[in-house]
Amino acid sequence: GKRTQDSVVFKGVAGETVTLTAQIASGWETAQPYVEVLQNGNSLAYETLSGDAVYRIEVTVPESGIVSVMVSDYSDGPTVVELHLLRPGE
């Protein structure tokens, strides 16, 4: 299958723990998109999604700056992944 990639970025604060929720909104039933949270090329967390489950990914930001969330999908059809970022207190 082809590989599609999508990314979302946010500004992180050192020591802050953020929670990312990820869920497959639409796509093939067999799709298993891969979500990875990165900062400066270092992987902070990753999760493989499947079905209609909502995944919670908790990340403690190592240093202040841009954090990126990459979504990769190797399935044949278009897969839409819904991401939400929850900061402390939300």
PDB file of N, CA and C in Angstrom:
ATOM      1  N   GLY A   1       0.824  -1.204   0.000  1.00  0.00           N
ATOM      2  CA  GLY A   1       0.000   0.000   0.000  1.00  0.00           C
ATOM      3  C   GLY A   1       0.858   1.254   0.000  1.00  0.00           C
ATOM      4  N   LYS A   2       0.235   2.360  -0.298  1.00  0.00           N
ATOM      5  CA  LYS A   2       1.000   3.592  -0.299  1.00  0.00           C
ATOM      6  C   LYS A   2       1.086   4.123   1.125  1.00  0.00           C
ATOM      7  N   ARG A   3       2.026   5.000   1.318  1.00  0.00           N
ATOM      8  CA  ARG A   3       2.197   5.545   2.657  1.00  0.00           C
ATOM      9  C   ARG A   3       1.779   7.001   2.643  1.00  0.00           C
ATOM     10  N   THR A   4       0.861   7.353   3.516  1.00  0.00           N
ATOM     11  CA  THR A   4       0.502   8.760   3.609  1.00  0.00           C
ATOM     12  C   THR A   4       0.992   9.244   4.949  1.00  0.00           C
ATOM     13  N   GLN A   5       1.357  10.496   4.993  1.00  0.00           N
ATOM     14  CA  GLN A   5       1.879  11.018   6.244  1.00  0.00           C
ATOM     15  C   GLN A   5       1.286  12.391   6.495  1.00  0.00           C
ATOM     16  N   ASP A   6       1.012  12.663   7.712  1.00  0.00           N
ATOM     17  CA  ASP A   6       0.360  13.891   8.089  1.00  0.00           C
ATOM     18  C   ASP A   6       1.023  14.326   9.383  1.00  0.00           C
ATOM     19  N   SER A   7       1.138  15.615   9.623  1.00  0.00           N
ATOM     20  CA  SER A   7       1.709  15.997  10.905  1.00  0.00           C
ATOM     21  C   SER A   7       1.027  17.219  11.479  1.00  0.00           C
ATOM     22  N   VAL A   8       1.027  17.267  12.791  1.00  0.00           N
ATOM     23  CA  VAL A   8       0.436  18.373  13.528  1.00  0.00           C
ATOM     24  C   VAL A   8       1.533  18.834  14.478  1.00  0.00           C
ATOM     25  N   VAL A   9       1.681  20.129  14.663  1.00  0.00           N
ATOM     26  CA  VAL A   9       2.702  20.584  15.609  1.00  0.00           C
ATOM     27  C   VAL A   9       2.067  21.442  16.696  1.00  0.00           C
ATOM     28  N   PHE A  10       2.685  21.439  17.862  1.00  0.00           N
ATOM     29  CA  PHE A  10       2.245  22.326  18.934  1.00  0.00           C
ATOM     30  C   PHE A  10       3.465  22.767  19.728  1.00  0.00           C
ATOM     31  N   LYS A  11       3.304  23.869  20.469  1.00  0.00           N
ATOM     32  CA  LYS A  11       4.402  24.347  21.288  1.00  0.00           C
ATOM     33  C   LYS A  11       4.331  23.686  22.652  1.00  0.00           C
ATOM     34  N   GLY A  12       5.425  23.048  23.035  1.00  0.00           N
ATOM     35  CA  GLY A  12       5.450  22.379  24.325  1.00  0.00           C
ATOM     36  C   GLY A  12       6.260  23.181  25.328  1.00  0.00           C
ATOM     37  N   VAL A  13       5.953  22.975  26.593  1.00  0.00           N
ATOM     38  CA  VAL A  13       6.689  23.625  27.674  1.00  0.00           C
ATOM     39  C   VAL A  13       7.409  22.536  28.448  1.00  0.00           C
ATOM     40  N   ALA A  14       8.686  22.747  28.731  1.00  0.00           N
ATOM     41  CA  ALA A  14       9.486  21.735  29.426  1.00  0.00           C
ATOM     42  C   ALA A  14       8.806  21.270  30.704  1.00  0.00           C
ATOM     43  N   GLY A  15       8.726  19.946  30.876  1.00  0.00           N
ATOM     44  CA  GLY A  15       8.161  19.372  32.090  1.00  0.00           C
ATOM     45  C   GLY A  15       6.653  19.238  32.088  1.00  0.00           C
ATOM     46  N   GLU A  16       6.008  19.839  31.097  1.00  0.00           N
ATOM     47  CA  GLU A  16       4.547  19.774  31.018  1.00  0.00           C
ATOM     48  C   GLU A  16       4.125  18.407  30.471  1.00  0.00           C
ATOM     49  N   THR A  17       3.090  17.829  31.075  1.00  0.00           N
ATOM     50  CA  THR A  17       2.571  16.572  30.547  1.00  0.00           C
ATOM     51  C   THR A  17       1.306  16.868  29.765  1.00  0.00           C
ATOM     52  N   VAL A  18       1.333  16.502  28.496  1.00  0.00           N
ATOM     53  CA  VAL A  18       0.160  16.714  27.663  1.00  0.00           C
ATOM     54  C   VAL A  18      -0.410  15.357  27.281  1.00  0.00           C
ATOM     55  N   THR A  19      -1.711  15.321  27.066  1.00  0.00           N
ATOM     56  CA  THR A  19      -2.363  14.087  26.664  1.00  0.00           C
ATOM     57  C   THR A  19      -2.912  14.289  25.266  1.00  0.00           C
ATOM     58  N   LEU A  20      -2.604  13.352  24.414  1.00  0.00           N
ATOM     59  CA  LEU A  20      -3.079  13.399  23.050  1.00  0.00           C
ATOM     60  C   LEU A  20      -4.089  12.275  22.912  1.00  0.00           C
ATOM     61  N   THR A  21      -5.264  12.583  22.362  1.00  0.00           N
ATOM     62  CA  THR A  21      -6.186  11.484  22.065  1.00  0.00           C
ATOM     63  C   THR A  21      -6.175  11.293  20.557  1.00  0.00           C
ATOM     64  N   ALA A  22      -6.199  10.044  20.140  1.00  0.00           N
ATOM     65  CA  ALA A  22      -6.165   9.722  18.721  1.00  0.00           C
ATOM     66  C   ALA A  22      -7.199   8.644  18.444  1.00  0.00           C
ATOM     67  N   GLN A  23      -7.899   8.815  17.346  1.00  0.00           N
ATOM     68  CA  GLN A  23      -8.927   7.846  16.978  1.00  0.00           C
ATOM     69  C   GLN A  23      -9.076   7.835  15.462  1.00  0.00           C
ATOM     70  N   ILE A  24      -9.320   6.658  14.907  1.00  0.00           N
ATOM     71  CA  ILE A  24      -9.569   6.574  13.473  1.00  0.00           C
ATOM     72  C   ILE A  24     -10.994   7.071  13.230  1.00  0.00           C
ATOM     73  N   ALA A  25     -11.116   8.155  12.473  1.00  0.00           N
ATOM     74  CA  ALA A  25     -12.435   8.725  12.199  1.00  0.00           C
ATOM     75  C   ALA A  25     -13.086   8.026  11.015  1.00  0.00           C
ATOM     76  N   SER A  26     -12.281   7.721  10.003  1.00  0.00           N
ATOM     77  CA  SER A  26     -12.806   6.966   8.864  1.00  0.00           C
ATOM     78  C   SER A  26     -11.667   6.287   8.126  1.00  0.00           C
ATOM     79  N   GLY A  27     -12.000   5.244   7.410  1.00  0.00           N
ATOM     80  CA  GLY A  27     -10.973   4.524   6.669  1.00  0.00           C
ATOM     81  C   GLY A  27     -11.312   3.042   6.612  1.00  0.00           C
ATOM     82  N   TRP A  28     -10.408   2.279   6.062  1.00  0.00           N
ATOM     83  CA  TRP A  28     -10.596   0.843   5.961  1.00  0.00           C
ATOM     84  C   TRP A  28     -10.631   0.224   7.352  1.00  0.00           C
ATOM     85  N   GLU A  29     -11.444  -0.809   7.505  1.00  0.00           N
ATOM     86  CA  GLU A  29     -11.538  -1.482   8.806  1.00  0.00           C
ATOM     87  C   GLU A  29     -10.210  -2.079   9.219  1.00  0.00           C
ATOM     88  N   THR A  30      -9.381  -2.409   8.229  1.00  0.00           N
ATOM     89  CA  THR A  30      -8.105  -3.045   8.534  1.00  0.00           C
ATOM     90  C   THR A  30      -6.973  -2.032   8.723  1.00  0.00           C
ATOM     91  N   ALA A  31      -7.294  -0.754   8.557  1.00  0.00           N
ATOM     92  CA  ALA A  31      -6.242   0.268   8.667  1.00  0.00           C
ATOM     93  C   ALA A  31      -5.639   0.274  10.068  1.00  0.00           C
ATOM     94  N   GLN A  32      -4.331   0.438  10.125  1.00  0.00           N
ATOM     95  CA  GLN A  32      -3.651   0.551  11.416  1.00  0.00           C
ATOM     96  C   GLN A  32      -2.652   1.701  11.359  1.00  0.00           C
ATOM     97  N   PRO A  33      -3.164   2.919  11.337  1.00  0.00           N
ATOM     98  CA  PRO A  33      -2.256   4.054  11.278  1.00  0.00           C
ATOM     99  C   PRO A  33      -1.389   4.129  12.540  1.00  0.00           C
ATOM    100  N   TYR A  34      -0.249   4.755  12.367  1.00  0.00           N
ATOM    101  CA  TYR A  34       0.764   4.810  13.402  1.00  0.00           C
ATOM    102  C   TYR A  34       0.946   6.275  13.780  1.00  0.00           C
ATOM    103  N   VAL A  35       0.832   6.559  15.058  1.00  0.00           N
ATOM    104  CA  VAL A  35       0.971   7.938  15.531  1.00  0.00           C
ATOM    105  C   VAL A  35       2.252   8.027  16.345  1.00  0.00           C
ATOM    106  N   GLU A  36       3.089   8.997  16.013  1.00  0.00           N
ATOM    107  CA  GLU A  36       4.337   9.155  16.754  1.00  0.00           C
ATOM    108  C   GLU A  36       4.504  10.606  17.166  1.00  0.00           C
ATOM    109  N   VAL A  37       4.918  10.818  18.417  1.00  0.00           N
ATOM    110  CA  VAL A  37       5.148  12.162  18.936  1.00  0.00           C
ATOM    111  C   VAL A  37       6.657  12.376  18.996  1.00  0.00           C
ATOM    112  N   LEU A  38       7.122  13.448  18.369  1.00  0.00           N
ATOM    113  CA  LEU A  38       8.559  13.699  18.255  1.00  0.00           C
ATOM    114  C   LEU A  38       8.936  15.106  18.691  1.00  0.00           C
ATOM    115  N   GLN A  39      10.138  15.235  19.219  1.00  0.00           N
ATOM    116  CA  GLN A  39      10.704  16.561  19.452  1.00  0.00           C
ATOM    117  C   GLN A  39      12.184  16.493  19.098  1.00  0.00           C
ATOM    118  N   ASN A  40      12.617  17.395  18.246  1.00  0.00           N
ATOM    119  CA  ASN A  40      14.019  17.424  17.782  1.00  0.00           C
ATOM    120  C   ASN A  40      14.481  16.061  17.264  1.00  0.00           C
ATOM    121  N   GLY A  41      13.592  15.364  16.582  1.00  0.00           N
ATOM    122  CA  GLY A  41      13.965  14.070  16.024  1.00  0.00           C
ATOM    123  C   GLY A  41      13.931  12.915  17.008  1.00  0.00           C
ATOM    124  N   ASN A  42      13.644  13.206  18.280  1.00  0.00           N
ATOM    125  CA  ASN A  42      13.556  12.134  19.275  1.00  0.00           C
ATOM    126  C   ASN A  42      12.110  11.703  19.451  1.00  0.00           C
ATOM    127  N   SER A  43      11.905  10.397  19.493  1.00  0.00           N
ATOM    128  CA  SER A  43      10.556   9.878  19.670  1.00  0.00           C
ATOM    129  C   SER A  43      10.173   9.934  21.147  1.00  0.00           C
ATOM    130  N   LEU A  44       9.054  10.585  21.442  1.00  0.00           N
ATOM    131  CA  LEU A  44       8.596  10.701  22.832  1.00  0.00           C
ATOM    132  C   LEU A  44       7.534   9.654  23.148  1.00  0.00           C
ATOM    133  N   ALA A  45       6.761   9.281  22.136  1.00  0.00           N
ATOM    134  CA  ALA A  45       5.695   8.301  22.346  1.00  0.00           C
ATOM    135  C   ALA A  45       5.199   7.833  20.988  1.00  0.00           C
ATOM    136  N   TYR A  46       4.641   6.635  20.958  1.00  0.00           N
ATOM    137  CA  TYR A  46       4.035   6.174  19.719  1.00  0.00           C
ATOM    138  C   TYR A  46       2.935   5.178  20.027  1.00  0.00           C
ATOM    139  N   GLU A  47       2.045   5.051  19.085  1.00  0.00           N
ATOM    140  CA  GLU A  47       0.880   4.178  19.276  1.00  0.00           C
ATOM    141  C   GLU A  47       0.389   3.747  17.903  1.00  0.00           C
ATOM    142  N   THR A  48      -0.025   2.482  17.806  1.00  0.00           N
ATOM    143  CA  THR A  48      -0.650   2.012  16.572  1.00  0.00           C
ATOM    144  C   THR A  48      -2.147   1.945  16.833  1.00  0.00           C
ATOM    145  N   LEU A  49      -2.922   2.597  15.998  1.00  0.00           N
ATOM    146  CA  LEU A  49      -4.372   2.645  16.189  1.00  0.00           C
ATOM    147  C   LEU A  49      -5.056   1.547  15.404  1.00  0.00           C
ATOM    148  N   SER A  50      -6.174   1.061  15.929  1.00  0.00           N
ATOM    149  CA  SER A  50      -6.995   0.142  15.140  1.00  0.00           C
ATOM    150  C   SER A  50      -8.427   0.220  15.634  1.00  0.00           C
ATOM    151  N   GLY A  51      -9.354  -0.157  14.776  1.00  0.00           N
ATOM    152  CA  GLY A  51     -10.771  -0.137  15.151  1.00  0.00           C
ATOM    153  C   GLY A  51     -11.254   1.270  15.450  1.00  0.00           C
ATOM    154  N   ASP A  52     -12.251   1.363  16.345  1.00  0.00           N
ATOM    155  CA  ASP A  52     -12.778   2.695  16.651  1.00  0.00           C
ATOM    156  C   ASP A  52     -12.425   3.129  18.073  1.00  0.00           C
ATOM    157  N   ALA A  53     -11.430   2.470  18.648  1.00  0.00           N
ATOM    158  CA  ALA A  53     -11.012   2.821  20.005  1.00  0.00           C
ATOM    159  C   ALA A  53     -10.378   4.208  20.041  1.00  0.00           C
ATOM    160  N   VAL A  54     -10.544   4.884  21.179  1.00  0.00           N
ATOM    161  CA  VAL A  54      -9.865   6.162  21.386  1.00  0.00           C
ATOM    162  C   VAL A  54      -8.608   5.869  22.198  1.00  0.00           C
ATOM    163  N   TYR A  55      -7.473   6.277  21.673  1.00  0.00           N
ATOM    164  CA  TYR A  55      -6.199   6.044  22.359  1.00  0.00           C
ATOM    165  C   TYR A  55      -5.760   7.309  23.055  1.00  0.00           C
ATOM    166  N   ARG A  56      -5.277   7.154  24.278  1.00  0.00           N
ATOM    167  CA  ARG A  56      -4.748   8.292  25.023  1.00  0.00           C
ATOM    168  C   ARG A  56      -3.237   8.142  25.095  1.00  0.00           C
ATOM    169  N   ILE A  57      -2.540   9.132  24.604  1.00  0.00           N
ATOM    170  CA  ILE A  57      -1.082   9.089  24.594  1.00  0.00           C
ATOM    171  C   ILE A  57      -0.594  10.217  25.492  1.00  0.00           C
ATOM    172  N   GLU A  58       0.054   9.850  26.600  1.00  0.00           N
ATOM    173  CA  GLU A  58       0.554  10.878  27.521  1.00  0.00           C
ATOM    174  C   GLU A  58       2.017  11.132  27.248  1.00  0.00           C
ATOM    175  N   VAL A  59       2.359  12.393  27.136  1.00  0.00           N
ATOM    176  CA  VAL A  59       3.729  12.761  26.829  1.00  0.00           C
ATOM    177  C   VAL A  59       4.198  13.842  27.788  1.00  0.00           C
ATOM    178  N   THR A  60       5.371  13.643  28.384  1.00  0.00           N
ATOM    179  CA  THR A  60       5.973  14.707  29.178  1.00  0.00           C
ATOM    180  C   THR A  60       7.001  15.381  28.274  1.00  0.00           C
ATOM    181  N   VAL A  61       6.803  16.663  28.045  1.00  0.00           N
ATOM    182  CA  VAL A  61       7.641  17.409  27.110  1.00  0.00           C
ATOM    183  C   VAL A  61       9.040  17.623  27.720  1.00  0.00           C
ATOM    184  N   PRO A  62      10.104  17.126  27.055  1.00  0.00           N
ATOM    185  CA  PRO A  62      11.448  17.233  27.621  1.00  0.00           C
ATOM    186  C   PRO A  62      11.982  18.662  27.672  1.00  0.00           C
ATOM    187  N   GLU A  63      11.742  19.417  26.585  1.00  0.00           N
ATOM    188  CA  GLU A  63      12.222  20.796  26.596  1.00  0.00           C
ATOM    189  C   GLU A  63      11.243  21.694  25.872  1.00  0.00           C
ATOM    190  N   SER A  64      11.255  22.961  26.224  1.00  0.00           N
ATOM    191  CA  SER A  64      10.323  23.898  25.598  1.00  0.00           C
ATOM    192  C   SER A  64      10.616  24.014  24.118  1.00  0.00           C
ATOM    193  N   GLY A  65       9.567  24.043  23.317  1.00  0.00           N
ATOM    194  CA  GLY A  65       9.739  24.155  21.873  1.00  0.00           C
ATOM    195  C   GLY A  65       8.685  23.360  21.138  1.00  0.00           C
ATOM    196  N   ILE A  66       8.885  23.271  19.851  1.00  0.00           N
ATOM    197  CA  ILE A  66       7.908  22.617  18.981  1.00  0.00           C
ATOM    198  C   ILE A  66       7.920  21.095  19.157  1.00  0.00           C
ATOM    199  N   VAL A  67       6.735  20.542  19.318  1.00  0.00           N
ATOM    200  CA  VAL A  67       6.566  19.087  19.389  1.00  0.00           C
ATOM    201  C   VAL A  67       5.716  18.719  18.176  1.00  0.00           C
ATOM    202  N   SER A  68       6.099  17.687  17.453  1.00  0.00           N
ATOM    203  CA  SER A  68       5.292  17.308  16.296  1.00  0.00           C
ATOM    204  C   SER A  68       4.670  15.941  16.480  1.00  0.00           C
ATOM    205  N   VAL A  69       3.489  15.792  15.929  1.00  0.00           N
ATOM    206  CA  VAL A  69       2.755  14.530  15.979  1.00  0.00           C
ATOM    207  C   VAL A  69       2.629  14.065  14.539  1.00  0.00           C
ATOM    208  N   MET A  70       3.249  12.931  14.233  1.00  0.00           N
ATOM    209  CA  MET A  70       3.230  12.406  12.877  1.00  0.00           C
ATOM    210  C   MET A  70       2.252  11.243  12.792  1.00  0.00           C
ATOM    211  N   VAL A  71       1.439  11.243  11.749  1.00  0.00           N
ATOM    212  CA  VAL A  71       0.530  10.119  11.525  1.00  0.00           C
ATOM    213  C   VAL A  71       0.947   9.449  10.221  1.00  0.00           C
ATOM    214  N   SER A  72       1.280   8.173  10.281  1.00  0.00           N
ATOM    215  CA  SER A  72       1.663   7.429   9.082  1.00  0.00           C
ATOM    216  C   SER A  72       0.652   6.317   8.855  1.00  0.00           C
ATOM    217  N   ASP A  73       0.328   6.090   7.604  1.00  0.00           N
ATOM    218  CA  ASP A  73      -0.651   5.050   7.301  1.00  0.00           C
ATOM    219  C   ASP A  73      -0.183   4.267   6.089  1.00  0.00           C
ATOM    220  N   TYR A  74      -0.121   2.960   6.222  1.00  0.00           N
ATOM    221  CA  TYR A  74       0.352   2.111   5.135  1.00  0.00           C
ATOM    222  C   TYR A  74      -0.776   1.386   4.410  1.00  0.00           C
ATOM    223  N   SER A  75      -2.015   1.653   4.790  1.00  0.00           N
ATOM    224  CA  SER A  75      -3.108   0.913   4.158  1.00  0.00           C
ATOM    225  C   SER A  75      -3.435   1.511   2.792  1.00  0.00           C
ATOM    226  N   ASP A  76      -4.262   0.818   2.034  1.00  0.00           N
ATOM    227  CA  ASP A  76      -4.534   1.236   0.661  1.00  0.00           C
ATOM    228  C   ASP A  76      -5.509   2.411   0.555  1.00  0.00           C
ATOM    229  N   GLY A  77      -6.396   2.510   1.511  1.00  0.00           N
ATOM    230  CA  GLY A  77      -7.415   3.554   1.403  1.00  0.00           C
ATOM    231  C   GLY A  77      -7.050   4.773   2.213  1.00  0.00           C
ATOM    232  N   PRO A  78      -7.801   5.845   2.011  1.00  0.00           N
ATOM    233  CA  PRO A  78      -7.546   7.046   2.807  1.00  0.00           C
ATOM    234  C   PRO A  78      -8.049   6.832   4.228  1.00  0.00           C
ATOM    235  N   THR A  79      -7.220   7.113   5.189  1.00  0.00           N
ATOM    236  CA  THR A  79      -7.598   6.955   6.584  1.00  0.00           C
ATOM    237  C   THR A  79      -7.548   8.327   7.248  1.00  0.00           C
ATOM    238  N   VAL A  80      -8.601   8.672   7.942  1.00  0.00           N
ATOM    239  CA  VAL A  80      -8.629   9.952   8.635  1.00  0.00           C
ATOM    240  C   VAL A  80      -8.468   9.689  10.132  1.00  0.00           C
ATOM    241  N   VAL A  81      -7.468  10.304  10.724  1.00  0.00           N
ATOM    242  CA  VAL A  81      -7.233  10.144  12.160  1.00  0.00           C
ATOM    243  C   VAL A  81      -7.556  11.468  12.838  1.00  0.00           C
ATOM    244  N   GLU A  82      -8.362  11.387  13.877  1.00  0.00           N
ATOM    245  CA  GLU A  82      -8.735  12.578  14.623  1.00  0.00           C
ATOM    246  C   GLU A  82      -7.813  12.706  15.827  1.00  0.00           C
ATOM    247  N   LEU A  83      -7.164  13.851  15.957  1.00  0.00           N
ATOM    248  CA  LEU A  83      -6.249  14.079  17.080  1.00  0.00           C
ATOM    249  C   LEU A  83      -6.749  15.236  17.920  1.00  0.00           C
ATOM    250  N   HIS A  84      -6.658  15.093  19.225  1.00  0.00           N
ATOM    251  CA  HIS A  84      -6.986  16.206  20.120  1.00  0.00           C
ATOM    252  C   HIS A  84      -5.891  16.307  21.150  1.00  0.00           C
ATOM    253  N   LEU A  85      -5.500  17.521  21.437  1.00  0.00           N
ATOM    254  CA  LEU A  85      -4.451  17.771  22.414  1.00  0.00           C
ATOM    255  C   LEU A  85      -5.084  18.325  23.678  1.00  0.00           C
ATOM    256  N   LEU A  86      -4.819  17.667  24.792  1.00  0.00           N
ATOM    257  CA  LEU A  86      -5.345  18.139  26.074  1.00  0.00           C
ATOM    258  C   LEU A  86      -4.176  18.575  26.941  1.00  0.00           C
ATOM    259  N   ARG A  87      -4.199  19.814  27.351  1.00  0.00           N
ATOM    260  CA  ARG A  87      -3.143  20.303  28.230  1.00  0.00           C
ATOM    261  C   ARG A  87      -3.590  20.122  29.667  1.00  0.00           C
ATOM    262  N   PRO A  88      -2.643  20.214  30.619  1.00  0.00           N
ATOM    263  CA  PRO A  88      -3.020  20.027  32.021  1.00  0.00           C
ATOM    264  C   PRO A  88      -4.184  20.947  32.394  1.00  0.00           C
ATOM    265  N   GLY A  89      -5.128  20.411  33.131  1.00  0.00           N
ATOM    266  CA  GLY A  89      -6.260  21.218  33.564  1.00  0.00           C
ATOM    267  C   GLY A  89      -7.394  21.253  32.559  1.00  0.00           C
ATOM    268  N   GLU A  90      -7.217  20.611  31.429  1.00  0.00           N
ATOM    269  CA  GLU A  90      -8.319  20.563  30.458  1.00  0.00           C
ATOM    270  C   GLU A  90      -9.044  19.244  30.563  1.00  0.00           C
TER     271      GLU A  90
END
